[in-house]
Amino acid sequence: MHDFIAGLPKAELHVHHIGSASPRIVAELAERHPGTVPSDAAELAKFFEFRDFAHFIEVYLAVVALVRTPEDIRYLTYEIAREMAGGQNLRYAELTCTPYTSVRPHDEGVGMPIEAYTEALEDARVAAERDFGLVLRWIYDIPGEAGLPAADATLGFALDHGPDALVAFGLGGPEIGVPRPQFQPHFDATRAAGLHSVPHAGETTGPETVWDALRLLGAERIGHGTSSAQDPALLAHLAATGVPLEVCPSSNVATRAVPSLDLHPLRAFRDAGVTVTINSDDPPMFGTTLNREYGIAAEILGLDEAGTAELARAAVRASFADEGTKARVLGEIDAYASGRG
């Protein structure tokens, strides 16, 4: 199964831009901007070893602080794409970007114009498809903990400066103390402009957060949605409407959304008929890969190779890729799976 998953063409829908920076990428950024993170390779590897959620936040913010210029954005994005295509056999990915952390004026004067940020993303995207055969699309998300000023700014970034490959609008960050209803006007505006709605919900809060995302934010997919398993009516609604959950098993354990992989509700989602996709969230920072997450999901669900290939198809179908890209990647999955039979 390990070898099968490694070769399986895949799409990923819930993976964060900054959170995908591997130690190799961070080392290069640290050379450009010394003093923020360890420069020694061994020390950097130790710094990246996941210890607890507080440490994850420390690492994440340290990498945010290293991404200061358009050249950093371009390098980060292109190198993430290299690793996605080479190591994980990804054919399509929707990367969640948080432009507010790079574009907003910082007290220390750090920050870049949104035009430069957008140009760097798009330049890396075009190069990644040319060089690696990986199709990238963007999701701009509100860092919820930064409140309405961040939401207003991110809305402007999306509507006034949105890159060509922007497909969706999201909401990330902590859920506790960050009620979803306050962001309804922002999602109304982006949906009216043709963007899809993909907020995080129900990761560390109860099912009502997922209901809010569906009813108020018009969610077409739910980031995590872990607590949905606590509400049979919600599971039935998700199954009936076909709204997929973006499930990230290792992340859910790391953030204490679930106590262990043995108790992960993935099987309950499947048994209720809910569409699930498998994702890695912030893979290097949680010490995982998309391949590993597929292996975990296959074990939890008791899947053989055919069932695991169907998980990969589900992600493609739930994506916001154009129909031509969907057909091509689905064809690659089919060809690979049939060739293994």
Protein backbone atom coordinates (compact mmCIF):
# COMPACT_ATOMS: atom_id res chain seq x y z
CA MET A 1 0.00 0.00 0.00
CA HIS A 2 2.86 2.38 0.76
CA ASP A 3 4.23 1.96 -2.77
CA PHE A 4 0.76 2.22 -4.29
CA ILE A 5 0.06 5.51 -2.50
CA ALA A 6 3.46 6.93 -3.44
CA GLY A 7 2.70 6.44 -7.13
CA LEU A 8 -0.96 7.40 -6.99
CA PRO A 9 -1.72 10.70 -8.81
CA LYS A 10 -3.41 13.02 -6.32
CA ALA A 11 -5.11 16.36 -5.74
CA GLU A 12 -4.98 18.26 -2.46
CA LEU A 13 -7.56 20.78 -1.31
CA HIS A 14 -6.56 21.74 2.25
CA VAL A 15 -2.92 22.70 2.47
CA HIS A 16 -1.50 26.00 3.68
CA HIS A 17 1.04 28.02 1.74
CA ILE A 18 3.30 29.11 4.60
CA GLY A 19 2.63 25.85 6.44
CA SER A 20 4.08 23.84 3.55
CA ALA A 21 7.58 25.26 3.91
CA SER A 22 9.92 22.32 4.52
CA PRO A 23 13.15 22.66 6.52
CA ARG A 24 15.03 22.80 3.20
CA ILE A 25 12.98 25.80 2.07
CA VAL A 26 13.17 27.47 5.47
CA ALA A 27 16.95 27.07 5.50
CA GLU A 28 17.21 29.05 2.27
CA LEU A 29 14.90 31.77 3.59
CA ALA A 30 16.89 31.88 6.84
CA GLU A 31 20.06 32.49 4.87
CA ARG A 32 18.36 35.46 3.23
CA HIS A 33 17.11 36.82 6.56
CA PRO A 34 19.47 35.65 9.34
CA GLY A 35 18.61 35.59 13.01
CA THR A 36 14.97 34.49 13.04
CA VAL A 37 15.40 30.71 13.04
CA PRO A 38 18.42 28.43 13.53
CA SER A 39 20.80 28.48 10.57
CA ASP A 40 22.55 25.20 11.36
CA ALA A 41 20.93 22.29 9.49
CA ALA A 42 20.81 19.99 12.53
CA GLU A 43 19.40 22.72 14.77
CA LEU A 44 16.83 23.64 12.14
CA ALA A 45 15.70 20.02 11.82
CA LYS A 46 15.31 19.83 15.60
CA PHE A 47 13.41 23.13 15.62
CA PHE A 48 10.97 21.62 13.11
CA GLU A 49 10.28 18.44 15.09
CA PHE A 50 6.67 18.72 16.20
CA ARG A 51 6.36 18.81 20.00
CA ASP A 52 2.94 20.28 20.67
CA PHE A 53 0.48 22.74 19.18
CA ALA A 54 2.14 25.73 20.85
CA HIS A 55 5.40 24.74 19.21
CA PHE A 56 3.64 24.46 15.84
CA ILE A 57 2.46 28.05 16.22
CA GLU A 58 6.01 29.11 17.10
CA VAL A 59 7.40 27.46 13.97
CA TYR A 60 4.61 28.81 11.77
CA LEU A 61 5.13 32.39 12.94
CA ALA A 62 8.88 32.04 12.53
CA VAL A 63 8.41 31.07 8.89
CA VAL A 64 5.91 33.91 8.38
CA ALA A 65 8.62 36.28 9.60
CA LEU A 66 11.02 34.94 6.96
CA VAL A 67 8.71 35.67 4.03
CA ARG A 68 9.38 39.36 3.53
CA THR A 69 9.80 40.08 -0.17
CA PRO A 70 8.18 39.13 -3.47
CA GLU A 71 11.30 37.07 -4.19
CA ASP A 72 10.63 35.10 -1.00
CA ILE A 73 7.03 34.46 -2.06
CA ARG A 74 8.14 33.31 -5.49
CA TYR A 75 10.85 31.01 -4.09
CA LEU A 76 8.59 29.55 -1.39
CA THR A 77 5.76 28.84 -3.82
CA TYR A 78 7.91 27.32 -6.55
CA GLU A 79 9.80 25.09 -4.13
CA ILE A 80 6.59 23.93 -2.44
CA ALA A 81 5.34 22.96 -5.88
CA ARG A 82 8.57 21.06 -6.59
CA GLU A 83 8.12 18.99 -3.42
CA MET A 84 4.41 18.44 -4.00
CA ALA A 85 4.93 17.15 -7.52
CA GLY A 86 8.09 15.18 -6.83
CA GLY A 87 7.55 13.71 -3.39
CA GLN A 88 3.76 13.41 -3.23
CA ASN A 89 2.86 12.88 -6.90
CA LEU A 90 0.40 15.76 -6.80
CA ARG A 91 -1.19 16.83 -10.07
CA TYR A 92 -3.44 19.58 -8.73
CA ALA A 93 -3.47 21.59 -5.50
CA GLU A 94 -5.47 24.43 -4.02
CA LEU A 95 -3.05 26.28 -1.77
CA THR A 96 -4.52 28.39 1.01
CA CYS A 97 -2.68 31.71 1.14
CA THR A 98 -2.96 34.36 3.85
CA PRO A 99 -1.85 37.55 2.11
CA TYR A 100 -2.66 39.65 5.18
CA THR A 101 0.42 38.36 7.00
CA SER A 102 2.73 39.38 4.15
CA VAL A 103 1.05 42.48 2.76
CA ARG A 104 -0.21 44.41 5.77
CA PRO A 105 2.05 47.14 7.14
CA HIS A 106 3.97 45.79 10.11
CA ASP A 107 5.24 47.90 12.97
CA GLU A 108 8.80 47.07 11.96
CA GLY A 109 8.15 48.15 8.40
CA VAL A 110 7.88 44.65 6.93
CA GLY A 111 5.31 44.15 4.24
CA MET A 112 5.01 44.21 0.47
CA PRO A 113 2.49 45.71 -1.95
CA ILE A 114 -0.37 43.39 -2.83
CA GLU A 115 0.46 43.83 -6.50
CA ALA A 116 3.96 42.44 -5.92
CA TYR A 117 2.60 39.58 -3.80
CA THR A 118 0.13 38.62 -6.52
CA GLU A 119 2.72 38.81 -9.29
CA ALA A 120 5.09 36.56 -7.35
CA LEU A 121 2.38 33.94 -6.72
CA GLU A 122 1.33 33.90 -10.34
CA ASP A 123 4.88 33.75 -11.66
CA ALA A 124 5.59 30.72 -9.48
CA ARG A 125 2.32 29.09 -10.49
CA VAL A 126 2.99 29.36 -14.20
CA ALA A 127 6.54 28.09 -13.75
CA ALA A 128 5.39 25.16 -11.58
CA GLU A 129 2.90 23.96 -14.18
CA ARG A 130 5.51 24.29 -16.93
CA ASP A 131 8.32 22.60 -15.00
CA PHE A 132 6.52 20.06 -12.80
CA GLY A 133 3.13 19.49 -14.45
CA LEU A 134 1.42 20.65 -11.25
CA VAL A 135 -1.68 22.84 -11.57
CA LEU A 136 -1.95 25.30 -8.67
CA ARG A 137 -4.98 27.32 -7.67
CA TRP A 138 -5.27 29.80 -4.80
CA ILE A 139 -7.58 30.21 -1.83
CA TYR A 140 -7.25 33.51 0.03
CA ASP A 141 -8.16 33.11 3.67
CA ILE A 142 -8.94 35.48 6.51
CA PRO A 143 -6.75 34.94 9.60
CA GLY A 144 -9.74 34.91 11.92
CA GLU A 145 -7.78 35.80 15.05
CA ALA A 146 -6.91 39.18 13.47
CA GLY A 147 -10.60 40.10 13.32
CA LEU A 148 -12.54 42.33 11.01
CA PRO A 149 -9.61 44.53 9.91
CA ALA A 150 -7.94 41.43 8.46
CA ALA A 151 -11.23 40.33 6.91
CA ASP A 152 -11.72 43.72 5.27
CA ALA A 153 -8.18 43.73 3.94
CA THR A 154 -8.38 40.17 2.63
CA LEU A 155 -11.67 40.95 0.92
CA GLY A 156 -9.97 43.84 -0.86
CA PHE A 157 -7.03 41.66 -1.84
CA ALA A 158 -9.41 39.11 -3.35
CA LEU A 159 -11.78 41.46 -5.14
CA ASP A 160 -9.45 44.26 -6.21
CA HIS A 161 -6.19 42.41 -6.73
CA GLY A 162 -7.18 38.75 -7.06
CA PRO A 163 -4.72 36.66 -9.10
CA ASP A 164 -5.90 34.86 -12.21
CA ALA A 165 -5.89 31.51 -10.43
CA LEU A 166 -7.84 32.58 -7.34
CA VAL A 167 -10.78 30.19 -6.98
CA ALA A 168 -12.02 30.46 -3.39
CA PHE A 169 -12.23 32.46 -0.18
CA GLY A 170 -11.57 30.91 3.21
CA LEU A 171 -11.37 31.52 6.94
CA GLY A 172 -8.60 30.06 9.08
CA GLY A 173 -6.96 30.51 12.44
CA PRO A 174 -8.36 29.67 15.88
CA GLU A 175 -12.09 29.02 16.07
CA ILE A 176 -12.63 29.57 19.79
CA GLY A 177 -13.56 33.20 20.36
CA VAL A 178 -13.84 33.88 16.61
CA PRO A 179 -17.54 33.56 15.73
CA ARG A 180 -18.30 32.85 12.09
CA PRO A 181 -21.34 35.14 11.69
CA GLN A 182 -19.20 38.32 11.79
CA PHE A 183 -17.65 37.33 8.46
CA GLN A 184 -20.91 36.79 6.58
CA PRO A 185 -20.69 40.11 4.64
CA HIS A 186 -17.20 39.21 3.40
CA PHE A 187 -18.30 35.81 2.15
CA ASP A 188 -21.44 37.29 0.61
CA ALA A 189 -19.27 39.71 -1.36
CA THR A 190 -16.76 37.14 -2.57
CA ARG A 191 -19.47 34.65 -3.52
CA ALA A 192 -21.23 37.37 -5.49
CA ALA A 193 -17.93 37.90 -7.33
CA GLY A 194 -17.80 34.22 -8.28
CA LEU A 195 -15.42 32.83 -5.68
CA HIS A 196 -16.17 29.61 -3.85
CA SER A 197 -16.60 29.44 -0.06
CA VAL A 198 -14.30 27.14 1.94
CA PRO A 199 -14.11 28.19 5.61
CA HIS A 200 -12.52 26.16 8.36
CA ALA A 201 -15.18 25.07 10.85
CA GLY A 202 -15.73 22.45 13.52
CA GLU A 203 -12.06 21.75 14.06
CA THR A 204 -11.79 22.81 17.71
CA THR A 205 -15.38 23.93 18.27
CA GLY A 206 -18.69 22.10 18.11
CA PRO A 207 -21.07 21.32 15.26
CA GLU A 208 -22.79 24.72 15.50
CA THR A 209 -19.70 26.29 13.93
CA VAL A 210 -20.16 24.03 10.93
CA TRP A 211 -23.84 24.96 10.73
CA ASP A 212 -22.83 28.64 10.78
CA ALA A 213 -20.36 28.04 7.97
CA LEU A 214 -23.06 26.36 5.90
CA ARG A 215 -25.96 28.68 6.64
CA LEU A 216 -24.21 32.04 6.90
CA LEU A 217 -21.02 31.70 4.88
CA GLY A 218 -22.41 29.50 2.10
CA ALA A 219 -19.68 26.90 2.58
CA GLU A 220 -19.21 24.58 -0.38
CA ARG A 221 -16.56 22.57 1.44
CA ILE A 222 -15.73 22.51 5.14
CA GLY A 223 -12.15 22.75 6.35
CA HIS A 224 -11.79 19.93 8.91
CA GLY A 225 -15.40 19.70 10.19
CA THR A 226 -14.22 17.22 12.79
CA SER A 227 -16.99 17.86 15.30
CA SER A 228 -19.67 17.18 12.67
CA ALA A 229 -19.62 13.60 13.92
CA GLN A 230 -21.31 14.79 17.12
CA ASP A 231 -24.49 15.83 15.28
CA PRO A 232 -26.40 13.16 13.32
CA ALA A 233 -28.59 15.82 11.70
CA LEU A 234 -25.48 17.62 10.45
CA LEU A 235 -24.00 14.40 9.08
CA ALA A 236 -27.26 13.71 7.28
CA HIS A 237 -27.27 17.24 5.85
CA LEU A 238 -23.68 16.97 4.64
CA ALA A 239 -24.43 13.62 3.02
CA ALA A 240 -27.62 14.85 1.36
CA THR A 241 -26.09 18.05 0.01
CA GLY A 242 -22.74 16.52 -0.95
CA VAL A 243 -20.73 19.20 0.87
CA PRO A 244 -17.31 17.60 1.33
CA LEU A 245 -15.18 17.64 4.46
CA GLU A 246 -11.48 18.38 4.06
CA VAL A 247 -10.10 15.86 6.55
CA CYS A 248 -6.53 16.18 7.88
CA PRO A 249 -6.01 13.23 10.28
CA SER A 250 -2.54 13.97 11.71
CA SER A 251 -3.34 17.65 12.08
CA ASN A 252 -6.52 16.80 13.98
CA VAL A 253 -4.52 14.78 16.51
CA ALA A 254 -1.81 17.44 16.79
CA THR A 255 -4.33 20.20 17.49
CA ARG A 256 -6.20 17.94 19.96
CA ALA A 257 -9.32 18.11 17.80
CA VAL A 258 -9.37 14.34 18.31
CA PRO A 259 -7.48 12.46 21.03
CA SER A 260 -5.90 9.85 18.74
CA LEU A 261 -6.04 8.41 15.24
CA ASP A 262 -7.90 5.40 16.64
CA LEU A 263 -10.70 7.74 17.70
CA HIS A 264 -10.77 9.85 14.54
CA PRO A 265 -14.32 10.25 13.15
CA LEU A 266 -13.27 9.56 9.55
CA ARG A 267 -15.01 6.19 9.59
CA ALA A 268 -18.18 7.77 10.98
CA PHE A 269 -18.13 10.29 8.14
CA ARG A 270 -17.77 7.53 5.56
CA ASP A 271 -20.48 5.40 7.14
CA ALA A 272 -22.89 8.37 7.14
CA GLY A 273 -22.33 8.89 3.42
CA VAL A 274 -20.41 12.16 3.79
CA THR A 275 -17.94 13.01 1.04
CA VAL A 276 -14.42 13.18 2.48
CA THR A 277 -11.13 14.30 1.00
CA ILE A 278 -7.73 13.57 2.54
CA ASN A 279 -5.31 16.42 3.10
CA SER A 280 -2.10 17.31 4.96
CA ASP A 281 -2.85 20.86 6.26
CA ASP A 282 0.67 22.05 7.29
CA PRO A 283 2.66 18.91 6.48
CA PRO A 284 6.29 19.65 7.45
CA MET A 285 5.16 21.39 10.62
CA PHE A 286 3.05 18.41 11.68
CA GLY A 287 5.71 15.93 10.63
CA THR A 288 3.61 14.37 7.91
CA THR A 289 3.09 14.15 4.15
CA LEU A 290 0.04 13.73 1.97
CA ASN A 291 1.21 10.19 1.21
CA ARG A 292 1.28 9.44 4.93
CA GLU A 293 -2.22 10.89 5.39
CA TYR A 294 -3.52 8.60 2.64
CA GLY A 295 -1.93 5.66 4.40
CA ILE A 296 -3.57 6.64 7.69
CA ALA A 297 -6.95 7.05 6.00
CA ALA A 298 -6.63 3.70 4.24
CA GLU A 299 -5.90 2.01 7.57
CA ILE A 300 -8.74 3.73 9.43
CA LEU A 301 -11.22 2.91 6.66
CA GLY A 302 -9.87 -0.55 5.89
CA LEU A 303 -9.30 0.29 2.23
CA ASP A 304 -7.57 -1.74 -0.44
CA GLU A 305 -5.85 -0.18 -3.43
CA ALA A 306 -9.12 0.33 -5.30
CA GLY A 307 -10.68 2.09 -2.31
CA THR A 308 -7.65 4.29 -1.87
CA ALA A 309 -7.76 5.28 -5.52
CA GLU A 310 -11.39 6.27 -4.99
CA LEU A 311 -10.28 8.60 -2.19
CA ALA A 312 -7.99 10.28 -4.71
CA ARG A 313 -10.87 10.61 -7.18
CA ALA A 314 -13.05 12.19 -4.50
CA ALA A 315 -10.54 15.00 -4.03
CA VAL A 316 -10.45 15.72 -7.75
CA ARG A 317 -14.24 15.79 -7.98
CA ALA A 318 -14.52 18.07 -4.93
CA SER A 319 -11.94 20.49 -6.32
CA PHE A 320 -12.60 23.74 -8.13
CA ALA A 321 -10.46 22.69 -11.08
CA ASP A 322 -11.82 23.27 -14.55
CA GLU A 323 -13.48 20.27 -16.18
CA GLY A 324 -10.53 19.62 -18.47
CA THR A 325 -8.11 19.38 -15.56
CA LYS A 326 -10.50 17.18 -13.61
CA ALA A 327 -10.90 14.81 -16.55
CA ARG A 328 -7.13 14.62 -17.10
CA VAL A 329 -6.28 13.88 -13.45
CA LEU A 330 -9.13 11.39 -13.08
CA GLY A 331 -7.86 9.67 -16.20
CA GLU A 332 -4.37 9.45 -14.71
CA ILE A 333 -5.78 7.92 -11.52
CA ASP A 334 -7.80 5.40 -13.50
CA ALA A 335 -4.83 4.45 -15.65
CA TYR A 336 -2.58 4.04 -12.64
CA ALA A 337 -5.10 2.01 -10.64
CA SER A 338 -5.94 -0.28 -13.56
CA GLY A 339 -2.27 -0.77 -14.33
CA ARG A 340 -1.72 -2.05 -10.81
CA GLY A 341 -4.55 -4.55 -11.06
